N, C-alpha and C. Protein backbone atom coordinates (compact mmCIF):
# COMPACT_ATOMS: atom_id res chain seq x y z
N UNK A 1 94.50 88.74 133.17
CA UNK A 1 93.81 88.06 133.85
C UNK A 1 92.28 88.35 133.70
N UNK A 2 91.24 87.49 132.85
CA UNK A 2 90.21 87.98 132.58
C UNK A 2 89.27 87.27 133.47
N UNK A 3 87.75 87.71 133.82
CA UNK A 3 87.29 87.26 134.67
C UNK A 3 87.07 85.86 134.35
N UNK A 4 86.84 84.55 135.43
CA UNK A 4 86.39 83.37 135.26
C UNK A 4 85.43 83.35 134.84
N UNK A 5 84.55 82.16 134.93
CA UNK A 5 83.03 82.29 135.03
C UNK A 5 82.64 81.94 136.21
N UNK A 6 83.46 81.29 137.54
CA UNK A 6 82.91 81.22 138.36
C UNK A 6 82.94 82.88 139.33
N UNK A 7 84.12 83.46 138.82
CA UNK A 7 84.07 84.89 139.41
C UNK A 7 82.81 85.55 139.00
N UNK A 8 82.49 85.29 137.80
CA UNK A 8 81.31 85.86 137.34
C UNK A 8 79.81 85.54 138.04
N UNK A 9 80.15 84.39 138.29
CA UNK A 9 79.10 84.06 139.13
C UNK A 9 79.18 84.47 140.26
N UNK A 10 80.07 84.46 140.94
CA UNK A 10 80.03 84.93 142.39
C UNK A 10 79.59 86.32 142.13
N UNK A 11 79.86 87.08 141.23
CA UNK A 11 79.68 88.64 141.30
C UNK A 11 78.43 88.83 140.93
N UNK A 12 78.17 88.60 140.27
CA UNK A 12 76.39 88.30 139.47
C UNK A 12 75.30 87.96 140.59
N UNK A 13 75.79 86.89 141.31
CA UNK A 13 75.05 86.54 142.74
C UNK A 13 74.94 87.44 143.75
N UNK A 14 76.25 88.03 143.91
CA UNK A 14 76.56 89.05 144.85
C UNK A 14 75.79 90.38 144.45
N UNK A 15 76.34 90.83 143.13
CA UNK A 15 75.13 92.32 142.90
C UNK A 15 73.52 92.22 143.27
N UNK A 16 73.29 90.79 142.81
CA UNK A 16 71.92 90.53 142.84
C UNK A 16 71.41 90.77 144.00
N UNK A 17 71.96 90.25 145.28
CA UNK A 17 71.36 90.36 146.75
C UNK A 17 71.85 91.43 146.94
N UNK A 18 72.76 92.66 146.96
CA UNK A 18 72.94 93.52 146.98
C UNK A 18 71.71 94.70 146.63
N UNK A 19 71.46 94.53 145.36
CA UNK A 19 70.30 95.10 144.72
C UNK A 19 69.11 95.10 145.64
N UNK A 20 68.93 93.92 146.29
CA UNK A 20 67.39 93.88 147.21
C UNK A 20 67.40 95.19 148.04
N UNK A 21 68.34 95.54 148.52
CA UNK A 21 68.66 95.90 149.69
C UNK A 21 69.35 97.88 149.08
N UNK A 22 69.65 97.97 148.03
CA UNK A 22 70.22 99.48 147.63
C UNK A 22 69.14 100.20 148.01
N UNK A 23 69.66 101.22 148.26
CA UNK A 23 68.43 102.03 148.50
C UNK A 23 69.09 103.66 148.01
N UNK A 24 70.38 103.89 148.04
CA UNK A 24 70.81 104.85 146.73
C UNK A 24 70.51 104.58 145.63
N UNK A 25 70.49 105.54 144.83
CA UNK A 25 69.83 105.20 143.28
C UNK A 25 71.58 105.02 142.25
N UNK A 26 72.90 105.66 142.53
CA UNK A 26 73.80 105.37 142.18
C UNK A 26 74.14 103.94 142.34
N UNK A 27 74.27 103.31 143.66
CA UNK A 27 74.04 101.68 144.14
C UNK A 27 73.41 100.81 143.49
N UNK A 28 72.20 101.43 143.61
CA UNK A 28 71.27 100.43 142.45
C UNK A 28 71.52 100.37 141.49
N UNK A 29 71.93 101.27 140.80
CA UNK A 29 72.47 101.20 139.16
C UNK A 29 73.64 100.38 139.12
N UNK A 30 74.93 100.97 140.28
CA UNK A 30 75.99 99.89 139.85
C UNK A 30 75.47 98.28 140.03
N UNK A 31 74.77 98.07 140.84
CA UNK A 31 74.46 96.58 141.51
C UNK A 31 73.74 95.92 140.00
N UNK A 32 72.96 96.82 139.29
CA UNK A 32 71.99 96.09 138.30
C UNK A 32 73.28 95.68 137.07
N UNK A 33 74.37 96.68 137.10
CA UNK A 33 75.31 96.67 135.94
C UNK A 33 76.04 95.24 136.31
N UNK A 34 76.51 95.55 137.44
CA UNK A 34 77.38 93.80 137.81
C UNK A 34 76.56 92.87 137.88
N UNK A 35 75.18 92.96 137.96
CA UNK A 35 74.70 91.57 137.80
C UNK A 35 74.65 91.20 136.83
N UNK A 36 75.37 91.94 135.52
CA UNK A 36 75.77 91.16 134.41
C UNK A 36 76.95 90.41 133.94
N UNK A 37 77.77 90.91 135.52
CA UNK A 37 78.86 90.15 135.39
C UNK A 37 80.23 91.16 135.30
N UNK A 38 81.63 90.66 135.00
CA UNK A 38 82.35 91.96 135.10
C UNK A 38 82.68 92.58 134.01
N UNK A 39 81.85 92.56 132.86
CA UNK A 39 81.74 93.47 131.88
C UNK A 39 80.23 94.19 131.82
N UNK A 40 80.02 94.48 133.11
CA UNK A 40 78.57 95.27 133.43
C UNK A 40 78.67 96.56 133.06
N UNK A 41 79.57 97.28 133.72
CA UNK A 41 79.85 98.45 133.72
C UNK A 41 80.40 99.06 132.29
N UNK A 42 81.31 98.48 132.00
CA UNK A 42 81.53 98.54 130.46
C UNK A 42 80.68 98.44 129.73
N UNK A 43 79.92 97.92 129.65
CA UNK A 43 78.92 97.64 128.51
C UNK A 43 77.65 98.61 128.41
N UNK A 44 77.63 99.51 129.83
CA UNK A 44 76.63 100.46 130.21
C UNK A 44 77.53 101.40 129.18
N UNK A 45 78.66 101.71 129.40
CA UNK A 45 79.39 102.65 129.01
C UNK A 45 79.51 102.83 128.04
N UNK A 46 79.53 101.55 127.12
CA UNK A 46 79.72 101.85 125.80
C UNK A 46 78.17 102.13 125.02
N UNK A 47 76.64 101.71 125.72
CA UNK A 47 75.20 101.83 125.12
C UNK A 47 75.54 103.73 125.54
N UNK A 48 76.14 103.97 126.37
CA UNK A 48 76.31 105.64 126.89
C UNK A 48 76.91 106.49 125.60
N UNK A 49 78.03 105.73 125.38
CA UNK A 49 78.56 106.26 123.91
C UNK A 49 77.80 106.38 122.63
N UNK A 50 76.81 105.56 122.37
CA UNK A 50 76.15 105.47 121.56
C UNK A 50 74.96 105.98 121.35
N UNK A 51 74.68 106.73 122.82
CA UNK A 51 73.46 107.31 122.80
C UNK A 51 73.73 108.52 122.81
N UNK A 52 75.14 109.30 123.20
CA UNK A 52 75.27 110.26 123.07
C UNK A 52 75.34 111.07 121.46
N UNK A 53 74.45 111.50 120.82
CA UNK A 53 73.67 111.91 120.01
C UNK A 53 74.59 112.79 119.06
N UNK A 54 75.10 113.99 119.99
CA UNK A 54 75.59 114.77 120.00
C UNK A 54 77.42 115.04 119.59
N UNK A 55 77.51 114.01 120.28
CA UNK A 55 79.20 113.74 120.75
C UNK A 55 79.60 114.64 121.64
N UNK A 56 79.11 115.26 122.56
CA UNK A 56 79.57 116.39 123.38
C UNK A 56 80.25 115.95 125.10
N UNK A 57 80.12 114.86 125.09
CA UNK A 57 80.84 113.97 126.25
C UNK A 57 79.59 114.57 127.23
N UNK A 58 78.02 114.33 127.24
CA UNK A 58 77.55 114.65 128.27
C UNK A 58 76.15 113.78 127.51
N UNK A 59 75.00 113.70 128.78
CA UNK A 59 73.95 113.25 128.74
C UNK A 59 73.28 113.67 129.00
N UNK A 60 72.12 114.44 128.39
CA UNK A 60 70.50 115.05 128.82
C UNK A 60 69.72 113.86 129.66
N UNK A 61 69.09 113.77 130.11
CA UNK A 61 67.82 112.82 130.44
C UNK A 61 67.28 111.83 130.01
N UNK A 62 66.97 112.45 128.55
CA UNK A 62 66.61 111.95 127.56
C UNK A 62 67.45 110.58 126.71
N UNK A 63 68.74 110.93 127.23
CA UNK A 63 69.65 110.29 126.33
C UNK A 63 70.34 109.53 127.47
N UNK A 64 70.42 109.79 128.70
CA UNK A 64 70.59 108.68 129.97
C UNK A 64 69.38 107.79 130.18
N UNK A 65 68.27 108.16 129.85
CA UNK A 65 67.14 107.29 129.71
C UNK A 65 67.44 106.36 128.55
N UNK A 66 67.44 106.75 127.48
CA UNK A 66 67.89 105.54 126.33
C UNK A 66 68.76 104.65 126.64
N UNK A 67 69.88 105.32 127.16
CA UNK A 67 70.94 104.32 127.22
C UNK A 67 70.83 103.48 128.32
N UNK A 68 70.14 103.60 129.45
CA UNK A 68 69.58 102.69 130.38
C UNK A 68 68.75 101.48 129.72
N UNK A 69 67.85 101.92 128.89
CA UNK A 69 66.89 101.11 128.51
C UNK A 69 67.22 100.15 127.15
N UNK A 70 68.48 100.42 126.50
CA UNK A 70 68.83 100.46 125.11
C UNK A 70 70.01 98.83 125.84
N UNK A 71 70.48 99.20 127.21
CA UNK A 71 71.21 98.15 127.28
C UNK A 71 70.70 97.16 128.21
N UNK A 72 69.26 97.49 128.64
CA UNK A 72 68.48 96.52 128.98
C UNK A 72 68.33 96.16 130.15
N UNK A 73 68.08 97.33 131.00
CA UNK A 73 68.05 97.61 132.49
C UNK A 73 66.67 98.40 132.78
N UNK A 74 66.09 97.44 133.78
CA UNK A 74 64.86 97.70 134.19
C UNK A 74 64.67 98.29 135.08
N UNK A 75 64.58 99.73 135.02
CA UNK A 75 64.21 100.54 135.89
C UNK A 75 63.01 101.87 135.81
N UNK A 76 62.05 102.00 136.75
CA UNK A 76 61.24 102.30 136.54
C UNK A 76 61.53 104.18 136.40
N UNK A 77 60.53 104.73 136.18
CA UNK A 77 60.56 106.60 135.62
C UNK A 77 61.30 106.96 136.55
N UNK A 78 60.62 107.04 137.87
CA UNK A 78 60.91 107.91 139.06
C UNK A 78 62.42 107.29 139.59
N UNK A 79 62.63 106.23 139.63
CA UNK A 79 64.28 105.86 140.04
C UNK A 79 65.09 106.21 138.83
N UNK A 80 64.58 106.21 137.52
CA UNK A 80 65.66 106.94 136.57
C UNK A 80 65.91 108.00 136.67
N UNK A 81 64.73 108.90 136.96
CA UNK A 81 64.93 110.26 137.31
C UNK A 81 66.10 111.02 138.73
N UNK A 82 65.72 110.04 139.47
CA UNK A 82 66.65 110.29 140.82
C UNK A 82 68.26 109.65 140.59
N UNK A 83 67.88 108.77 139.72
CA UNK A 83 69.08 108.39 139.44
C UNK A 83 70.17 109.30 138.92
N UNK A 84 69.70 110.00 137.32
CA UNK A 84 70.02 111.29 136.68
C UNK A 84 70.48 112.44 137.58
N UNK A 85 69.64 112.59 138.70
CA UNK A 85 69.73 114.23 139.58
C UNK A 85 70.86 113.54 140.21
N UNK A 86 71.17 112.26 140.79
CA UNK A 86 72.42 111.95 141.73
C UNK A 86 74.06 112.81 140.84
N UNK A 87 74.00 112.27 139.34
CA UNK A 87 75.03 112.27 138.62
C UNK A 87 74.90 113.90 138.24
N UNK A 88 74.22 114.40 138.25
CA UNK A 88 73.88 115.52 137.34
C UNK A 88 74.16 116.71 139.01
N UNK A 89 75.34 116.32 138.98
CA UNK A 89 76.16 117.29 140.40
C UNK A 89 75.66 118.68 140.46
N UNK A 90 75.62 119.77 139.43
CA UNK A 90 75.32 121.05 139.32
C UNK A 90 73.96 121.43 138.91
N UNK A 91 73.14 120.21 138.80
CA UNK A 91 71.93 120.42 138.37
C UNK A 91 71.55 121.28 136.77
N UNK A 92 72.39 121.31 136.02
CA UNK A 92 72.09 121.72 134.37
C UNK A 92 71.59 120.76 133.56
N UNK A 93 70.92 119.69 134.51
CA UNK A 93 70.31 119.28 133.08
C UNK A 93 71.07 118.63 132.24
N UNK A 94 72.68 118.07 132.84
CA UNK A 94 73.53 117.14 131.81
C UNK A 94 74.23 116.66 132.78
N UNK A 95 74.87 115.12 132.29
CA UNK A 95 75.49 114.58 133.44
C UNK A 95 77.07 114.17 132.33
N UNK A 96 77.58 114.60 132.82
CA UNK A 96 79.41 114.63 132.06
C UNK A 96 79.54 112.99 132.38
N UNK A 97 79.83 112.39 131.13
CA UNK A 97 80.11 111.16 130.84
C UNK A 97 81.46 110.42 131.76
N UNK A 98 82.68 111.72 131.74
CA UNK A 98 83.67 111.04 132.46
C UNK A 98 83.26 110.73 134.10
N UNK A 99 82.84 111.78 134.53
CA UNK A 99 82.27 111.53 135.62
C UNK A 99 81.36 110.68 136.16
N UNK A 100 80.46 110.45 135.12
CA UNK A 100 79.38 109.50 135.30
C UNK A 100 79.90 107.90 135.51
N UNK A 101 80.77 107.49 134.75
CA UNK A 101 81.63 106.53 134.41
C UNK A 101 82.09 106.20 136.17
N UNK A 102 83.37 107.25 136.43
CA UNK A 102 84.35 107.35 137.73
C UNK A 102 83.16 106.78 138.84
N UNK A 103 82.24 107.91 139.20
CA UNK A 103 81.19 107.53 139.95
C UNK A 103 80.49 106.06 140.43
N UNK A 104 80.17 105.54 138.90
CA UNK A 104 79.33 104.50 138.90
C UNK A 104 80.49 103.32 139.39
N UNK A 105 81.59 103.43 139.03
CA UNK A 105 82.65 102.20 139.62
C UNK A 105 82.28 102.13 141.01
N UNK A 106 82.45 100.61 141.27
CA UNK A 106 82.54 100.25 142.70
C UNK A 106 83.88 101.14 143.46
N UNK A 107 83.72 101.29 144.50
CA UNK A 107 85.00 101.71 145.41
C UNK A 107 86.13 101.14 145.65
N UNK A 108 87.45 101.42 145.24
CA UNK A 108 88.80 100.69 144.98
C UNK A 108 89.75 101.21 145.98
N UNK A 109 90.38 100.57 146.21
CA UNK A 109 91.68 100.74 147.38
C UNK A 109 92.81 101.37 146.76
N UNK A 110 93.54 102.33 146.68
CA UNK A 110 94.91 102.73 145.86
C UNK A 110 95.82 101.82 145.28
N UNK A 111 95.54 100.65 146.22
CA UNK A 111 96.62 99.63 146.15
C UNK A 111 96.34 98.78 144.82
N UNK A 112 94.70 98.34 144.96
CA UNK A 112 94.00 97.88 142.99
C UNK A 112 94.43 98.60 142.01
N UNK A 113 94.12 100.40 142.29
CA UNK A 113 93.94 101.06 141.39
C UNK A 113 95.62 100.63 140.67
N UNK A 114 96.71 100.84 141.57
CA UNK A 114 97.87 100.85 141.15
C UNK A 114 98.20 99.83 140.21
N UNK A 115 97.77 98.40 140.97
CA UNK A 115 97.86 97.13 139.75
C UNK A 115 97.09 97.21 139.03
N UNK A 116 96.31 97.63 138.54
CA UNK A 116 95.25 97.51 137.49
C UNK A 116 96.54 98.71 136.47
N UNK A 117 96.66 99.66 136.99
CA UNK A 117 97.87 100.40 135.69
C UNK A 117 98.93 99.83 135.47
N UNK A 118 99.58 99.44 136.54
CA UNK A 118 100.62 98.70 136.28
C UNK A 118 100.35 97.51 135.24
N UNK A 119 99.36 97.02 135.16
CA UNK A 119 98.74 95.66 134.07
C UNK A 119 98.88 96.28 132.57
N UNK A 120 98.09 97.94 132.95
CA UNK A 120 97.64 98.20 131.62
C UNK A 120 99.42 98.85 130.95
N UNK A 121 99.88 99.32 131.59
CA UNK A 121 101.34 99.86 131.09
C UNK A 121 102.25 98.63 130.40
N UNK A 122 102.00 97.74 131.45
CA UNK A 122 102.41 96.38 130.86
C UNK A 122 102.25 95.59 129.58
N UNK A 123 101.00 95.78 129.42
CA UNK A 123 100.37 95.01 128.13
C UNK A 123 100.46 96.15 127.24
N UNK A 124 100.56 97.66 127.15
CA UNK A 124 100.51 98.62 126.14
C UNK A 124 102.02 98.90 125.64
N UNK A 125 102.54 97.86 125.22
CA UNK A 125 104.07 98.08 124.59
C UNK A 125 104.26 99.60 123.76
N UNK A 126 103.30 100.02 122.91
CA UNK A 126 103.30 101.13 122.22
C UNK A 126 103.29 102.21 123.13
N UNK A 127 102.94 102.22 124.44
CA UNK A 127 101.98 103.61 124.96
C UNK A 127 101.57 104.50 124.26
N UNK A 128 100.71 103.91 123.51
CA UNK A 128 99.47 104.86 122.65
C UNK A 128 98.08 104.66 123.25
N UNK A 129 98.22 104.20 124.89
CA UNK A 129 96.67 104.27 125.25
C UNK A 129 96.05 103.28 124.97
N UNK A 130 96.25 102.35 124.10
CA UNK A 130 95.37 101.34 123.68
C UNK A 130 96.10 100.10 123.58
N UNK A 131 95.61 98.96 123.75
CA UNK A 131 95.86 97.66 123.49
C UNK A 131 95.29 96.79 122.68
N UNK A 132 96.28 96.53 121.83
CA UNK A 132 95.89 95.80 120.40
C UNK A 132 96.62 94.35 120.38
N UNK A 133 96.43 93.46 119.24
CA UNK A 133 96.85 92.20 119.37
C UNK A 133 98.53 92.51 119.14
N UNK A 134 98.57 93.62 118.08
CA UNK A 134 100.60 93.47 118.74
C UNK A 134 101.19 93.63 119.71
N UNK A 135 100.57 94.52 120.49
CA UNK A 135 100.83 94.53 122.38
C UNK A 135 101.03 93.35 122.95
N UNK A 136 100.28 92.68 122.49
CA UNK A 136 100.35 91.50 123.28
C UNK A 136 101.35 90.75 122.74
N UNK A 137 101.63 90.59 121.43
CA UNK A 137 102.65 89.47 121.04
C UNK A 137 103.84 89.60 122.44
N UNK A 138 104.18 88.61 122.96
CA UNK A 138 105.35 88.20 123.60
C UNK A 138 104.92 88.48 125.25
N UNK A 139 103.57 89.32 125.19
CA UNK A 139 103.29 89.46 126.42
C UNK A 139 102.58 88.40 127.13
N UNK A 140 101.54 88.18 126.10
CA UNK A 140 100.38 87.25 126.62
C UNK A 140 100.83 85.36 125.73
N UNK A 141 100.74 84.63 126.47
CA UNK A 141 101.44 83.34 125.82
C UNK A 141 100.06 82.22 125.28
N UNK A 142 100.14 82.04 124.37
CA UNK A 142 98.57 81.40 123.60
C UNK A 142 99.45 80.25 123.34
N UNK A 143 100.60 79.55 123.38
CA UNK A 143 100.66 78.52 123.36
C UNK A 143 99.86 76.83 123.90
N UNK A 144 99.41 77.25 125.05
CA UNK A 144 98.58 76.72 125.88
C UNK A 144 97.23 76.56 125.61
N UNK A 145 96.63 77.37 124.63
CA UNK A 145 95.19 77.82 124.37
C UNK A 145 95.40 76.34 123.53
N UNK A 146 94.03 75.63 123.61
CA UNK A 146 93.57 74.57 122.97
C UNK A 146 93.49 74.62 121.70
N UNK A 147 92.58 76.05 121.43
CA UNK A 147 92.41 76.00 119.86
C UNK A 147 93.85 76.40 119.11
N UNK A 148 94.86 76.71 119.63
CA UNK A 148 95.94 76.86 119.25
C UNK A 148 96.79 75.59 119.18
N UNK A 149 96.36 74.78 120.05
CA UNK A 149 97.20 73.43 119.91
C UNK A 149 96.71 72.25 119.25
N UNK A 150 95.41 72.64 118.85
CA UNK A 150 95.12 71.58 117.86
C UNK A 150 94.91 72.16 116.18
N UNK A 151 95.50 73.72 116.23
CA UNK A 151 95.88 73.98 114.80
C UNK A 151 94.61 74.90 114.52
N UNK A 152 93.80 75.02 115.17
CA UNK A 152 92.22 75.28 114.74
C UNK A 152 92.29 76.87 114.55
N UNK A 153 93.25 77.76 115.62
CA UNK A 153 93.25 79.26 115.40
C UNK A 153 94.52 79.47 115.38
N UNK A 154 94.94 80.60 114.94
CA UNK A 154 96.39 81.19 114.65
C UNK A 154 96.70 81.79 115.83
N UNK A 155 97.91 82.70 116.13
CA UNK A 155 98.33 82.96 117.19
C UNK A 155 97.66 84.52 117.47
N UNK A 156 97.39 85.36 116.15
CA UNK A 156 96.33 86.35 116.36
C UNK A 156 94.89 85.85 116.44
N UNK A 157 94.25 85.10 115.87
CA UNK A 157 93.18 84.66 116.56
C UNK A 157 92.36 84.48 118.03
N UNK A 158 93.58 84.13 118.49
CA UNK A 158 93.80 83.76 119.97
C UNK A 158 93.86 84.95 120.81
N UNK A 159 94.88 86.07 120.34
CA UNK A 159 95.07 87.38 121.10
C UNK A 159 93.86 87.76 120.90
N UNK A 160 93.40 87.86 119.73
CA UNK A 160 92.06 88.55 119.36
C UNK A 160 90.48 87.71 120.10
N UNK A 161 90.59 87.15 120.57
CA UNK A 161 89.41 86.28 121.48
C UNK A 161 90.04 86.79 123.13
N UNK A 162 91.14 86.88 123.44
CA UNK A 162 91.66 87.44 124.71
C UNK A 162 91.20 88.46 124.57
N UNK A 163 91.40 89.36 123.63
CA UNK A 163 91.19 90.75 124.12
C UNK A 163 89.53 91.49 123.72
N UNK A 164 88.91 90.43 123.24
CA UNK A 164 87.04 90.15 123.20
C UNK A 164 86.63 89.88 124.38
N UNK A 165 87.53 89.20 125.33
CA UNK A 165 87.07 89.17 126.54
C UNK A 165 86.94 90.01 127.65
N UNK A 166 87.86 91.13 127.05
CA UNK A 166 87.36 92.30 128.17
C UNK A 166 86.23 93.36 127.08
N UNK A 167 85.82 93.16 125.67
CA UNK A 167 84.90 94.04 125.19
C UNK A 167 83.11 93.66 125.38
N UNK A 168 82.32 94.02 125.99
CA UNK A 168 81.17 93.32 125.86
C UNK A 168 80.44 93.56 124.80
N UNK A 169 80.47 94.81 123.83
CA UNK A 169 79.57 94.81 122.78
C UNK A 169 80.45 95.44 121.44
N UNK A 170 81.62 96.16 121.77
CA UNK A 170 82.22 96.45 120.56
C UNK A 170 82.92 95.49 119.61
N UNK A 171 83.81 95.10 120.11
CA UNK A 171 84.56 93.82 119.81
C UNK A 171 85.47 94.50 118.63
N UNK A 172 86.02 95.65 118.70
CA UNK A 172 86.88 95.83 117.78
C UNK A 172 88.23 95.76 118.08
N UNK A 173 88.85 94.86 118.78
CA UNK A 173 89.87 94.47 119.05
C UNK A 173 91.39 95.18 119.60
N UNK A 174 90.45 96.20 120.17
CA UNK A 174 91.21 97.11 120.76
C UNK A 174 90.65 97.81 122.53
N UNK A 175 91.60 97.67 123.08
CA UNK A 175 91.18 98.06 124.48
C UNK A 175 91.60 99.20 125.24
N UNK A 176 90.85 100.37 125.48
CA UNK A 176 91.11 101.60 125.39
C UNK A 176 91.74 101.77 127.36
N UNK A 177 92.02 102.49 127.86
CA UNK A 177 92.43 102.60 129.27
C UNK A 177 91.41 102.78 130.03
N UNK A 178 90.05 103.44 129.54
CA UNK A 178 88.59 103.62 130.14
C UNK A 178 87.71 102.09 130.11
N UNK A 179 88.42 101.61 129.14
CA UNK A 179 87.48 100.01 128.99
C UNK A 179 88.34 99.27 130.05
N UNK A 180 89.34 99.20 129.85
CA UNK A 180 90.08 98.50 130.89
C UNK A 180 90.12 98.79 132.52
N UNK A 181 90.12 100.24 132.82
CA UNK A 181 89.72 100.39 134.00
C UNK A 181 87.93 99.72 134.33
N UNK A 182 87.07 100.08 133.54
CA UNK A 182 85.86 99.52 133.13
C UNK A 182 85.73 98.15 133.92
N UNK A 183 86.54 97.48 133.30
CA UNK A 183 86.45 95.78 133.04
C UNK A 183 86.65 95.44 134.50
N UNK A 184 88.17 96.18 135.19
CA UNK A 184 88.78 95.36 136.16
C UNK A 184 88.28 95.75 137.27
N UNK A 185 87.29 97.18 136.96
CA UNK A 185 86.53 97.61 138.00
C UNK A 185 85.36 96.25 138.74
N UNK A 186 84.83 95.50 137.84
CA UNK A 186 83.77 94.85 137.81
C UNK A 186 84.38 93.03 138.05
N UNK A 187 85.56 93.00 137.80
CA UNK A 187 86.64 91.85 138.31
C UNK A 187 86.88 91.98 139.73
N UNK A 188 87.46 93.61 140.17
CA UNK A 188 87.75 93.95 141.53
C UNK A 188 85.91 93.61 142.36
N UNK A 189 85.28 94.21 142.07
CA UNK A 189 84.23 94.13 142.95
C UNK A 189 83.78 92.47 142.72
N UNK A 190 83.99 91.17 142.17
CA UNK A 190 83.87 90.09 142.75
C UNK A 190 84.79 89.43 143.79
N UNK A 191 86.10 90.33 144.29
CA UNK A 191 86.80 89.95 145.28
C UNK A 191 87.07 90.64 146.34
N UNK A 192 86.36 90.42 147.06
CA UNK A 192 86.59 91.12 148.90
C UNK A 192 88.26 91.51 149.44
N UNK A 193 89.00 90.43 149.26
CA UNK A 193 90.23 90.21 149.79
C UNK A 193 90.97 90.83 148.79
N UNK A 194 92.18 92.05 149.43
CA UNK A 194 92.78 92.76 148.54
C UNK A 194 93.92 91.91 148.84
N UNK A 195 94.31 91.02 149.44
CA UNK A 195 95.62 90.40 149.21
C UNK A 195 95.32 89.63 147.99
N UNK A 196 94.11 89.07 148.30
CA UNK A 196 93.61 88.14 146.92
C UNK A 196 93.75 88.56 145.75
N UNK A 197 93.40 89.98 145.35
CA UNK A 197 93.33 90.61 144.11
C UNK A 197 94.60 91.06 143.70
N UNK A 198 95.90 91.26 144.73
CA UNK A 198 96.82 91.15 144.55
C UNK A 198 97.41 90.20 144.02
N UNK A 199 97.94 89.14 144.83
CA UNK A 199 98.24 87.62 144.07
C UNK A 199 97.53 87.51 142.99
N UNK A 200 96.36 87.26 142.69
CA UNK A 200 95.43 87.11 141.28
C UNK A 200 96.50 87.99 139.66
N UNK A 201 96.37 89.28 140.24
CA UNK A 201 96.90 90.28 139.25
C UNK A 201 98.59 89.99 139.04
N UNK A 202 99.40 90.10 140.04
CA UNK A 202 100.82 89.57 139.91
C UNK A 202 101.03 88.79 139.33
N UNK A 203 99.88 87.68 139.70
CA UNK A 203 100.28 86.27 139.15
C UNK A 203 99.80 86.14 137.23
N UNK A 204 98.79 86.68 137.24
CA UNK A 204 98.41 86.78 135.89
C UNK A 204 99.15 87.54 135.05
N UNK A 205 100.03 88.76 135.54
CA UNK A 205 100.55 89.84 134.44
C UNK A 205 102.27 89.73 134.90
N UNK A 206 102.67 88.79 135.66
CA UNK A 206 103.82 88.71 135.99
C UNK A 206 104.32 90.31 136.09
N UNK A 207 103.59 91.08 137.23
CA UNK A 207 104.12 92.28 137.96
C UNK A 207 104.89 92.30 138.83
């Protein structure tokens, strides 16, 4: 279940409205990301991976600032510093990448987290922690895809297009658990009702 255009529009509208009233720096950054749709948090995560120049899975203030600006988020200098300090829990001038992403994700119930886990496990047929075209064969049916029906695309092209819906930047045809979680956090933020989220996930992935 990739986010529909309608879901994305609703999420963007909701996030932009919440951004106007956001007082907490973390909430403000979250709203700015979600205003870009379901891929918003995942997109910022990709930017930060690129900005982690020394590959140590932490970000200093300069890397943090560069990541936010590269992603195109407009944040003034004082607010950027305030955001960084919120994520720099121990005050050592470094933000742990994993902790940053976990804290940036919108709060979710354990029931929703469980459904996301179930969906990933079902899609990851090889159990290697990455969803690829090979994993999707026999799990995601492309036979009703219009471009498959008219012969324009092969099954593999349809499957790759489906994977790319989860990729905001990299488009490498691979979805890690981290990327999957970041994406579905965005989808979850567009749905207020737990029962509806449950229904959609179970219907989409036959859980």
